[in-house]
C-alpha cells in the first residue's frame, strides 16, 4: 500500500476507534458527521496520490506537472466521477474499477452506494443541512471505501 495512503488510513482508523468508545448516542452522532467528512476526503486524497504517483513514474516532467495541476482540484468523488477520471488516463481503468468493486461487494452495488452516500452526506454536512448519520452507518461506508481504495491502488499501478 502507498505509504501516504496507509498513513492517512491509520489516522482515520484511530478516529473511528475513539468515536466507537463514545457512549452518548448524540455525541457519537456528532462525531460520526466528522468521520463522514474524513472518509470522503480519504477517497479524494487517495485518488490524487495514486494518479500523481502514476504520472511521476510514467510521464515526462511536463506531463507530470499538467497532471498534478489538473487533479489537484478533484472533489466530490462519487463513483461515476471516479470512473470518468480513470477513463481519462486509460480506457480500461474505469471499467475495471466498476467491475472490481462490484465483485468485492457483498450486496449488489454495496461499495458503489457507500462511496456515493458518503460523498452526498459530506456535501449535505458542508452546506449546513441537517444530517442524521449513525456511527455504524459511517463505519460501514468506510469499510467499503477502503475496499474501493484498494481496488484503485491495484488498477493505478
C-alpha atoms as a PDB file:
ATOM      1  CA  UNK A   1       0.000   0.000   0.000  1.00  0.00           C
ATOM      2  CA  UNK A   2       1.160   3.528  -0.768  1.00  0.00           C
ATOM      3  CA  UNK A   3       2.748   4.965   2.375  1.00  0.00           C
ATOM      4  CA  UNK A   4       0.791   8.241   2.219  1.00  0.00           C
ATOM      5  CA  UNK A   5      -2.490   6.402   1.836  1.00  0.00           C
ATOM      6  CA  UNK A   6      -1.542   3.986   4.599  1.00  0.00           C
ATOM      7  CA  UNK A   7      -0.703   6.847   6.951  1.00  0.00           C
ATOM      8  CA  UNK A   8      -3.945   8.650   6.117  1.00  0.00           C
ATOM      9  CA  UNK A   9      -5.899   5.450   6.678  1.00  0.00           C
ATOM     10  CA  UNK A  10      -4.254   4.849  10.064  1.00  0.00           C
ATOM     11  CA  UNK A  11      -5.235   8.340  11.221  1.00  0.00           C
ATOM     12  CA  UNK A  12      -8.839   7.772  10.202  1.00  0.00           C
ATOM     13  CA  UNK A  13      -8.851   4.314  11.806  1.00  0.00           C
ATOM     14  CA  UNK A  14      -7.667   5.925  15.059  1.00  0.00           C
ATOM     15  CA  UNK A  15     -10.526   8.446  14.894  1.00  0.00           C
ATOM     16  CA  UNK A  16     -13.026   5.640  14.342  1.00  0.00           C
ATOM     17  CA  UNK A  17     -11.639   3.823  17.383  1.00  0.00           C
ATOM     18  CA  UNK A  18     -12.061   6.929  19.537  1.00  0.00           C
ATOM     19  CA  UNK A  19     -15.612   7.578  18.339  1.00  0.00           C
ATOM     20  CA  UNK A  20     -16.603   3.947  18.882  1.00  0.00           C
ATOM     21  CA  UNK A  21     -15.908   4.365  22.601  1.00  0.00           C
ATOM     22  CA  UNK A  22     -18.280   7.329  22.993  1.00  0.00           C
ATOM     23  CA  UNK A  23     -21.304   6.116  24.939  1.00  0.00           C
ATOM     24  CA  UNK A  24     -23.661   9.075  24.415  1.00  0.00           C
ATOM     25  CA  UNK A  25     -25.574   8.488  21.127  1.00  0.00           C
ATOM     26  CA  UNK A  26     -25.951  12.229  20.452  1.00  0.00           C
ATOM     27  CA  UNK A  27     -22.209  12.833  20.863  1.00  0.00           C
ATOM     28  CA  UNK A  28     -21.395   9.787  18.783  1.00  0.00           C
ATOM     29  CA  UNK A  29     -23.725  11.102  16.061  1.00  0.00           C
ATOM     30  CA  UNK A  30     -21.953  14.468  16.022  1.00  0.00           C
ATOM     31  CA  UNK A  31     -18.578  12.790  15.709  1.00  0.00           C
ATOM     32  CA  UNK A  32     -19.951  10.487  13.017  1.00  0.00           C
ATOM     33  CA  UNK A  33     -20.601  13.516  10.824  1.00  0.00           C
ATOM     34  CA  UNK A  34     -16.938  14.459  11.246  1.00  0.00           C
ATOM     35  CA  UNK A  35     -15.902  10.909  10.323  1.00  0.00           C
ATOM     36  CA  UNK A  36     -18.050  11.173   7.210  1.00  0.00           C
ATOM     37  CA  UNK A  37     -16.073  14.224   6.102  1.00  0.00           C
ATOM     38  CA  UNK A  38     -12.778  12.415   6.756  1.00  0.00           C
ATOM     39  CA  UNK A  39     -13.853   9.368   4.744  1.00  0.00           C
ATOM     40  CA  UNK A  40     -14.958  11.499   1.814  1.00  0.00           C
ATOM     41  CA  UNK A  41     -11.591  13.249   1.901  1.00  0.00           C
ATOM     42  CA  UNK A  42      -9.849   9.885   2.060  1.00  0.00           C
ATOM     43  CA  UNK A  43     -11.357   8.909  -1.300  1.00  0.00           C
ATOM     44  CA  UNK A  44     -10.313  12.188  -2.925  1.00  0.00           C
ATOM     45  CA  UNK A  45      -6.834  12.230  -1.454  1.00  0.00           C
ATOM     46  CA  UNK A  46      -6.169   8.567  -2.292  1.00  0.00           C
ATOM     47  CA  UNK A  47      -7.202   9.065  -5.906  1.00  0.00           C
ATOM     48  CA  UNK A  48      -4.993  12.168  -6.202  1.00  0.00           C
ATOM     49  CA  UNK A  49      -1.987  10.465  -4.637  1.00  0.00           C
ATOM     50  CA  UNK A  50      -2.302   7.387  -6.826  1.00  0.00           C
ATOM     51  CA  UNK A  51      -2.659   9.396 -10.028  1.00  0.00           C
ATOM     52  CA  UNK A  52       0.230  11.707  -9.131  1.00  0.00           C
ATOM     53  CA  UNK A  53       2.437   8.730  -8.326  1.00  0.00           C
ATOM     54  CA  UNK A  54       1.492   7.117 -11.631  1.00  0.00           C
ATOM     55  CA  UNK A  55       2.311  10.303 -13.536  1.00  0.00           C
ATOM     56  CA  UNK A  56       5.664  10.718 -11.800  1.00  0.00           C
ATOM     57  CA  UNK A  57       6.638   7.141 -12.659  1.00  0.00           C
ATOM     58  CA  UNK A  58       5.380   7.130 -16.230  1.00  0.00           C
ATOM     59  CA  UNK A  59       5.414  10.603 -17.747  1.00  0.00           C
ATOM     60  CA  UNK A  60       7.755  13.394 -18.691  1.00  0.00           C
ATOM     61  CA  UNK A  61       8.147  16.314 -16.280  1.00  0.00           C
ATOM     62  CA  UNK A  62       5.800  18.454 -18.420  1.00  0.00           C
ATOM     63  CA  UNK A  63       3.060  15.840 -18.338  1.00  0.00           C
ATOM     64  CA  UNK A  64       3.629  15.269 -14.604  1.00  0.00           C
ATOM     65  CA  UNK A  65       3.200  18.992 -13.989  1.00  0.00           C
ATOM     66  CA  UNK A  66      -0.002  19.088 -16.033  1.00  0.00           C
ATOM     67  CA  UNK A  67      -1.490  16.019 -14.353  1.00  0.00           C
ATOM     68  CA  UNK A  68      -0.671  17.249 -10.856  1.00  0.00           C
ATOM     69  CA  UNK A  69      -2.298  20.626 -11.550  1.00  0.00           C
ATOM     70  CA  UNK A  70      -5.375  19.064 -13.166  1.00  0.00           C
ATOM     71  CA  UNK A  71      -6.085  16.561 -10.401  1.00  0.00           C
ATOM     72  CA  UNK A  72      -5.352  18.977  -7.566  1.00  0.00           C
ATOM     73  CA  UNK A  73      -8.969  20.151  -7.603  1.00  0.00           C
ATOM     74  CA  UNK A  74     -10.651  16.752  -7.585  1.00  0.00           C
ATOM     75  CA  UNK A  75     -13.599  16.834  -5.168  1.00  0.00           C
ATOM     76  CA  UNK A  76     -16.947  15.125  -4.669  1.00  0.00           C
ATOM     77  CA  UNK A  77     -15.617  11.776  -5.890  1.00  0.00           C
ATOM     78  CA  UNK A  78     -18.800   9.823  -6.405  1.00  0.00           C
ATOM     79  CA  UNK A  79     -18.349   6.584  -8.299  1.00  0.00           C
ATOM     80  CA  UNK A  80     -19.223   7.993 -11.723  1.00  0.00           C
ATOM     81  CA  UNK A  81     -16.713  10.814 -11.294  1.00  0.00           C
ATOM     82  CA  UNK A  82     -14.004   8.329 -10.299  1.00  0.00           C
ATOM     83  CA  UNK A  83     -14.831   6.213 -13.361  1.00  0.00           C
ATOM     84  CA  UNK A  84     -14.696   9.298 -15.585  1.00  0.00           C
ATOM     85  CA  UNK A  85     -11.310  10.397 -14.202  1.00  0.00           C
ATOM     86  CA  UNK A  86      -9.867   6.893 -14.507  1.00  0.00           C
ATOM     87  CA  UNK A  87     -11.110   6.673 -18.092  1.00  0.00           C
ATOM     88  CA  UNK A  88      -9.188   9.829 -18.956  1.00  0.00           C
ATOM     89  CA  UNK A  89      -5.974   8.047 -18.002  1.00  0.00           C
ATOM     90  CA  UNK A  90      -6.695   4.647 -19.539  1.00  0.00           C
ATOM     91  CA  UNK A  91      -9.803   3.406 -21.297  1.00  0.00           C
ATOM     92  CA  UNK A  92      -9.918   0.182 -19.257  1.00  0.00           C
ATOM     93  CA  UNK A  93      -9.374   1.678 -15.811  1.00  0.00           C
ATOM     94  CA  UNK A  94     -12.938   2.910 -15.284  1.00  0.00           C
ATOM     95  CA  UNK A  95     -14.424  -0.365 -16.489  1.00  0.00           C
ATOM     96  CA  UNK A  96     -12.026  -2.344 -14.322  1.00  0.00           C
ATOM     97  CA  UNK A  97     -12.863  -0.212 -11.291  1.00  0.00           C
ATOM     98  CA  UNK A  98     -16.613  -0.715 -11.562  1.00  0.00           C
ATOM     99  CA  UNK A  99     -16.282  -4.452 -12.186  1.00  0.00           C
ATOM    100  CA  UNK A 100     -13.814  -4.961  -9.330  1.00  0.00           C
ATOM    101  CA  UNK A 101     -15.849  -3.035  -6.764  1.00  0.00           C
ATOM    102  CA  UNK A 102     -18.910  -4.982  -7.880  1.00  0.00           C
ATOM    103  CA  UNK A 103     -17.009  -8.243  -7.353  1.00  0.00           C
ATOM    104  CA  UNK A 104     -15.894  -7.149  -3.859  1.00  0.00           C
ATOM    105  CA  UNK A 105     -19.398  -6.085  -2.821  1.00  0.00           C
ATOM    106  CA  UNK A 106     -21.295  -8.471  -0.564  1.00  0.00           C
ATOM    107  CA  UNK A 107     -24.584  -6.930  -1.726  1.00  0.00           C
ATOM    108  CA  UNK A 108     -25.312  -5.554  -5.220  1.00  0.00           C
ATOM    109  CA  UNK A 109     -23.740  -2.099  -5.598  1.00  0.00           C
ATOM    110  CA  UNK A 110     -22.724  -2.019  -1.919  1.00  0.00           C
ATOM    111  CA  UNK A 111     -19.342  -0.368  -2.462  1.00  0.00           C
ATOM    112  CA  UNK A 112     -20.644   1.982  -5.166  1.00  0.00           C
ATOM    113  CA  UNK A 113     -23.563   3.019  -2.958  1.00  0.00           C
ATOM    114  CA  UNK A 114     -21.247   3.524   0.036  1.00  0.00           C
ATOM    115  CA  UNK A 115     -18.966   5.823  -1.970  1.00  0.00           C
ATOM    116  CA  UNK A 116     -21.888   7.805  -3.350  1.00  0.00           C
ATOM    117  CA  UNK A 117     -23.603   8.021   0.043  1.00  0.00           C
ATOM    118  CA  UNK A 118     -20.525   9.206   1.909  1.00  0.00           C
ATOM    119  CA  UNK A 119     -19.924  11.970  -0.652  1.00  0.00           C
ATOM    120  CA  UNK A 120     -23.598  13.004  -0.683  1.00  0.00           C
ATOM    121  CA  UNK A 121     -23.695  13.082   3.116  1.00  0.00           C
ATOM    122  CA  UNK A 122     -20.454  15.080   3.304  1.00  0.00           C
ATOM    123  CA  UNK A 123     -21.879  17.562   0.828  1.00  0.00           C
ATOM    124  CA  UNK A 124     -25.045  17.980   2.910  1.00  0.00           C
ATOM    125  CA  UNK A 125     -23.000  18.455   6.098  1.00  0.00           C
ATOM    126  CA  UNK A 126     -20.754  21.029   4.419  1.00  0.00           C
ATOM    127  CA  UNK A 127     -23.799  23.023   3.341  1.00  0.00           C
ATOM    128  CA  UNK A 128     -25.349  23.059   6.796  1.00  0.00           C
ATOM    129  CA  UNK A 129     -28.152  20.643   6.146  1.00  0.00           C
ATOM    130  CA  UNK A 130     -29.493  18.522   8.956  1.00  0.00           C
ATOM    131  CA  UNK A 131     -27.951  15.087   8.564  1.00  0.00           C
ATOM    132  CA  UNK A 132     -28.671  12.148  10.806  1.00  0.00           C
ATOM    133  CA  UNK A 133     -25.946   9.606  10.214  1.00  0.00           C
ATOM    134  CA  UNK A 134     -25.057   6.928  12.721  1.00  0.00           C
ATOM    135  CA  UNK A 135     -21.631   5.675  13.658  1.00  0.00           C
ATOM    136  CA  UNK A 136     -22.436   2.201  12.366  1.00  0.00           C
ATOM    137  CA  UNK A 137     -23.553   3.579   9.001  1.00  0.00           C
ATOM    138  CA  UNK A 138     -20.413   5.683   8.550  1.00  0.00           C
ATOM    139  CA  UNK A 139     -18.295   2.768   9.749  1.00  0.00           C
ATOM    140  CA  UNK A 140     -19.889   0.502   7.139  1.00  0.00           C
ATOM    141  CA  UNK A 141     -19.356   3.113   4.421  1.00  0.00           C
ATOM    142  CA  UNK A 142     -15.712   3.413   5.469  1.00  0.00           C
ATOM    143  CA  UNK A 143     -15.204  -0.356   5.327  1.00  0.00           C
ATOM    144  CA  UNK A 144     -16.446  -0.284   1.728  1.00  0.00           C
ATOM    145  CA  UNK A 145     -14.473   2.840   0.811  1.00  0.00           C
ATOM    146  CA  UNK A 146     -11.291   1.101   1.994  1.00  0.00           C
ATOM    147  CA  UNK A 147     -12.080  -1.746  -0.409  1.00  0.00           C
ATOM    148  CA  UNK A 148     -12.560   0.781  -3.220  1.00  0.00           C
ATOM    149  CA  UNK A 149      -9.232   2.465  -2.463  1.00  0.00           C
ATOM    150  CA  UNK A 150      -7.525  -0.935  -2.549  1.00  0.00           C
ATOM    151  CA  UNK A 151      -9.084  -1.522  -5.973  1.00  0.00           C
ATOM    152  CA  UNK A 152      -7.882   1.900  -7.137  1.00  0.00           C
ATOM    153  CA  UNK A 153      -4.389   1.087  -5.951  1.00  0.00           C
ATOM    154  CA  UNK A 154      -4.404  -2.200  -7.861  1.00  0.00           C
ATOM    155  CA  UNK A 155      -5.632  -0.553 -11.046  1.00  0.00           C
ATOM    156  CA  UNK A 156      -3.410   2.536 -10.973  1.00  0.00           C
ATOM    157  CA  UNK A 157      -0.038   0.867 -10.934  1.00  0.00           C
END
